[in-house]
Protein backbone atom coordinates (compact mmCIF):
# COMPACT_ATOMS: atom_id res chain seq x y z
CA MET A 1 119.65 58.72 90.48
CA VAL A 2 120.69 57.54 87.06
CA LEU A 3 119.16 54.31 85.86
CA PRO A 4 120.44 51.03 87.07
CA SER A 5 122.66 49.18 84.74
CA GLY A 6 125.11 46.26 84.85
CA SER A 7 127.83 48.49 85.82
CA ASN A 8 126.07 50.40 88.65
CA ASN A 9 123.18 48.10 89.78
CA HIS A 10 124.89 47.31 93.18
CA ASN A 11 124.88 51.14 93.95
CA HIS A 12 121.08 51.16 93.97
CA ARG A 13 120.73 47.92 95.92
CA HIS A 14 123.16 49.32 98.52
CA VAL A 15 121.06 52.57 98.76
CA VAL A 16 117.82 50.51 99.23
CA GLN A 17 119.38 48.13 101.72
CA GLY A 18 120.82 50.98 103.68
CA PHE A 19 117.52 52.70 104.30
CA LYS A 20 115.86 49.42 105.06
CA ASP A 21 118.69 48.62 107.71
CA LEU A 22 117.72 52.07 109.26
CA GLY A 23 114.11 50.85 109.64
CA TYR A 24 112.55 52.72 106.59
CA ASN A 25 109.92 51.23 104.29
CA VAL A 26 111.15 51.74 100.76
CA ARG A 27 109.44 52.01 97.33
CA CYS A 28 111.22 52.50 94.00
CA LYS A 29 110.32 53.26 90.44
CA ILE A 30 111.67 54.45 87.14
CA ALA A 31 109.89 57.52 85.83
CA CYS A 32 110.31 60.58 83.84
CA ALA A 33 112.14 63.21 86.01
CA SER A 34 109.72 66.00 85.00
CA ASN A 35 106.86 64.01 86.38
CA ASP A 36 108.43 64.18 89.87
CA GLU A 37 109.27 67.92 89.98
CA GLY A 38 112.66 67.47 88.34
CA ALA A 39 114.08 69.86 85.70
CA SER A 40 114.71 67.17 83.23
CA ALA A 41 112.76 64.95 80.77
CA HIS A 42 115.11 62.06 81.16
CA ASN A 43 113.95 58.79 82.85
CA ARG A 44 115.55 58.44 86.34
CA TRP A 45 115.41 55.96 89.09
CA PHE A 46 113.44 57.35 92.12
CA MET A 47 113.32 55.88 95.67
CA ALA A 48 110.97 56.84 98.48
CA ALA A 49 111.83 56.03 102.02
CA SER A 50 109.41 56.46 104.88
CA ARG A 51 108.79 55.31 108.57
CA ASP A 52 105.18 54.78 107.49
CA PRO A 53 104.00 52.36 104.88
CA ILE A 54 104.16 53.71 101.43
CA PRO A 55 101.06 52.44 99.57
CA SER A 56 101.67 54.23 96.21
CA TRP A 57 103.80 56.70 94.49
CA ASP A 58 101.07 59.42 94.83
CA PHE A 59 102.90 61.72 97.17
CA HIS A 60 100.25 64.55 96.65
CA SER A 61 97.40 62.46 98.04
CA MET A 62 99.84 61.00 100.85
CA GLY A 63 100.41 64.69 101.79
CA GLY A 64 96.82 65.24 102.77
CA GLU A 65 95.70 68.86 102.78
CA LEU A 66 98.99 70.36 103.50
CA LYS A 67 99.63 73.20 100.88
CA ALA A 68 103.01 74.39 101.92
CA PRO A 69 105.94 72.17 102.75
CA THR A 70 107.20 71.99 106.39
CA PRO A 71 110.62 73.74 106.73
CA VAL A 72 113.31 70.99 106.89
CA CYS A 73 114.88 72.50 109.91
CA ASP A 74 111.63 71.73 111.78
CA VAL A 75 111.77 68.04 111.05
CA MET A 76 115.33 67.10 110.99
CA LEU A 77 117.15 66.10 114.20
CA SER A 78 120.57 67.39 114.97
CA ARG A 79 123.69 65.38 113.80
CA SER A 80 124.55 64.59 117.37
CA ALA A 81 121.17 62.93 117.85
CA THR A 82 121.43 60.83 114.63
CA MET A 83 125.26 60.14 114.52
CA HIS A 84 124.78 56.52 115.74
CA LEU A 85 122.84 55.92 112.40
CA GLU A 86 125.65 57.12 110.25
CA MET A 87 127.00 54.30 107.88
CA SER A 88 130.23 53.92 105.93
CA THR A 89 130.03 54.81 102.26
CA SER A 90 132.97 52.51 101.50
CA ASN A 91 130.66 50.04 99.67
CA TYR A 92 129.60 52.74 97.18
CA HIS A 93 131.37 53.37 93.99
CA ILE A 94 131.37 56.79 92.23
CA ASN A 95 131.03 56.78 88.54
CA ALA A 96 132.38 60.00 87.25
CA PRO A 97 135.06 61.44 84.94
CA GLU A 98 138.64 61.56 86.47
CA LEU A 99 138.52 65.41 86.44
CA VAL A 100 135.36 65.38 88.56
CA ILE A 101 136.79 63.00 91.08
CA GLU A 102 139.85 65.12 91.22
CA LEU A 103 137.82 68.23 91.80
CA PHE A 104 136.01 66.46 94.79
CA HIS A 105 139.39 66.04 96.50
CA CYS A 106 140.58 69.54 96.12
CA SER A 107 137.53 71.77 96.53
CA LYS A 108 138.75 73.27 99.65
CA ASP A 109 142.07 74.40 98.29
CA ASN A 110 143.14 77.72 97.10
CA THR A 111 141.23 79.00 93.95
CA CYS A 112 142.69 80.36 90.78
CA VAL A 113 142.54 84.14 90.33
CA GLY A 114 139.77 84.69 87.93
CA VAL A 115 135.98 84.59 88.34
CA LEU A 116 134.59 85.34 91.72
CA PRO A 117 135.26 82.64 94.40
CA GLY A 118 131.43 82.22 94.74
CA HIS A 119 131.33 81.27 90.99
CA ASN A 120 134.54 79.58 90.75
CA HIS A 121 133.39 76.07 91.94
CA PHE A 122 130.29 75.76 89.97
CA CYS A 123 132.02 76.79 86.87
CA CYS A 124 134.87 74.33 87.55
CA VAL A 125 132.23 71.45 88.18
CA LEU A 126 130.72 72.23 84.76
CA LEU A 127 134.13 72.37 82.97
CA CYS A 128 135.23 69.19 84.72
CA TRP A 129 132.15 67.28 83.23
CA MET A 130 132.67 68.91 79.79
CA PHE A 131 136.47 68.19 79.51
CA GLY A 132 135.99 64.90 81.35
CA LYS A 133 133.60 63.70 78.71
CA GLY A 134 136.01 64.44 75.92
CA ALA A 135 136.09 68.18 75.15
CA THR A 136 139.47 69.65 74.34
CA ARG A 137 138.54 73.19 73.66
CA ILE A 138 135.22 75.15 74.53
CA CYS A 139 134.27 78.36 72.72
CA LEU A 140 131.81 80.80 74.09
CA ASP A 141 130.20 83.86 72.36
CA ILE A 142 126.87 85.14 71.68
CA TYR A 143 126.37 82.66 68.82
CA ASN A 144 126.95 79.61 70.89
CA LEU A 145 124.74 79.78 73.97
CA GLN A 146 122.23 76.86 73.33
CA ASP A 147 123.51 74.81 76.22
CA PRO A 148 122.46 76.15 79.72
CA ALA A 149 125.97 75.33 81.21
CA LYS A 150 127.70 77.47 78.43
CA ARG A 151 125.31 80.26 79.16
CA HIS A 152 126.30 80.29 82.87
CA LEU A 153 129.93 80.26 82.00
CA PHE A 154 129.53 83.00 79.47
CA VAL A 155 127.84 85.34 81.88
CA CYS A 156 130.54 84.64 84.62
CA LEU A 157 133.21 85.30 82.20
CA LEU A 158 131.54 88.41 80.79
CA ASN A 159 131.28 89.86 84.31
CA ALA A 160 134.80 88.80 85.21
CA CYS A 161 136.08 90.95 82.37
CA HIS A 162 133.50 93.63 83.05
CA GLY A 163 132.05 93.27 79.63
CA ASP A 164 135.27 94.24 77.78
CA VAL A 165 135.76 90.86 76.26
CA CYS A 166 132.67 88.85 74.96
CA SER A 167 134.35 85.98 73.08
CA PHE A 168 136.29 83.25 74.93
CA THR A 169 138.13 80.01 74.47
CA LEU A 170 138.63 77.72 77.31
CA THR A 171 141.36 74.91 77.33
CA GLU A 172 143.28 73.06 79.96
CA PRO A 173 146.63 74.80 80.58
CA SER A 174 149.63 73.46 78.59
CA GLY A 175 153.00 75.19 78.60
CA GLU A 176 153.30 78.99 78.41
CA ARG A 177 150.39 81.46 78.62
CA PRO A 178 149.28 82.59 75.25
CA ASP A 179 149.16 86.41 74.43
CA ASP A 180 145.32 86.57 74.67
CA TYR A 181 145.31 84.93 78.12
CA LEU A 182 142.66 86.43 80.41
CA LEU A 183 142.24 84.22 83.60
CA GLU A 184 142.01 80.75 84.98
CA ILE A 185 139.11 78.80 86.62
CA GLY A 186 139.61 76.17 89.01
CA TYR A 187 142.09 75.24 91.81
CA GLU A 188 145.88 75.83 92.39
CA SER A 189 146.35 72.09 93.32
CA GLY A 190 143.67 70.56 91.33
CA PRO A 191 141.64 70.88 87.95
CA ARG A 192 142.20 74.25 86.34
CA PHE A 193 141.00 75.75 83.07
CA GLN A 194 142.68 78.41 80.95
CA VAL A 195 140.55 81.32 79.51
CA GLN A 196 141.65 83.19 76.29
CA GLY A 197 139.66 86.00 75.11
CA ASP A 198 139.27 87.76 71.73
CA THR A 199 139.89 91.40 72.60
CA HIS A 200 139.19 92.40 68.98
CA SER A 201 135.53 91.15 68.92
CA SER A 202 133.23 94.02 68.98
CA VAL A 203 129.72 93.26 70.24
CA SER A 204 127.33 95.65 71.73
CA LYS A 205 125.51 95.43 75.10
CA SER A 206 122.18 95.23 73.31
CA GLU A 207 123.55 92.29 71.18
CA ILE A 208 124.75 90.42 74.22
CA THR A 209 121.39 90.86 76.12
CA ASN A 210 119.33 90.05 72.99
CA ALA A 211 121.34 86.80 72.68
CA LEU A 212 120.69 85.87 76.34
CA GLU A 213 117.12 86.93 76.31
CA ALA A 214 116.47 84.11 73.73
CA TYR A 215 116.73 81.74 76.77
CA GLY A 216 115.78 84.01 79.80
CA GLU A 217 115.94 87.53 81.24
CA ALA A 218 119.23 89.68 80.93
CA LEU A 219 120.22 93.13 81.49
CA PHE A 220 123.37 95.29 82.31
CA ASN A 221 123.08 96.80 85.85
CA PRO A 222 124.48 100.23 86.59
CA ASP A 223 127.86 98.62 87.53
CA GLY A 224 128.23 97.18 84.05
CA LEU A 225 127.61 93.63 85.19
CA VAL A 226 125.11 91.20 83.49
CA GLU A 227 122.21 90.13 85.67
CA TYR A 228 120.69 87.06 84.01
CA TYR A 229 117.82 84.84 85.06
CA ASP A 230 117.71 81.38 83.23
CA PRO A 231 114.37 79.54 83.85
CA SER A 232 116.02 76.26 82.71
CA GLY A 233 118.29 76.52 85.92
């Protein structure tokens, strides 16, 4: 979780107390996320909960000689067996931009016609955070891919347009659709984002893959779609 502060400290206390009420031993610490298998170098608040005592934060030594993790399905009880332990989350407060909260309430509604449904939600999550934090326009092309979130959006839009367009501008819809309108990302009754494309931009496939390969592995498959692996996630 994010670090405790004056505005959210009660959330951390509720989490700790909730696990204690269920009979768990709890130990907390603030540490660099990358030291505890995270993909970020930011400091984060960590909590460990165990039925057994937690003598220290050294989970590698606590795990004994076990080399491979036990599949979670082998250790979790069914929901029917643990339903009596479920607790209300009414005491918890969610701190997130308004667009993100709005997305949470409409994520099962009909999606806009644009990127594939399997990509729509994650793209919408990324955009809700970007616009929720103050962005009014996002431009995506091969020269603007330093951000992993923008790289993911770029590849999804590139494939949605079958590589015919490779320069995009994303905004929240306002009024009539512009002439360079391509598609929308989001939900019909919730957050939605309009994608415009520069159809006159001429960039070769090799330039696209070279730009992406500065951050990961990329290629065009036989169907003309970009396959991209980003080691940063």
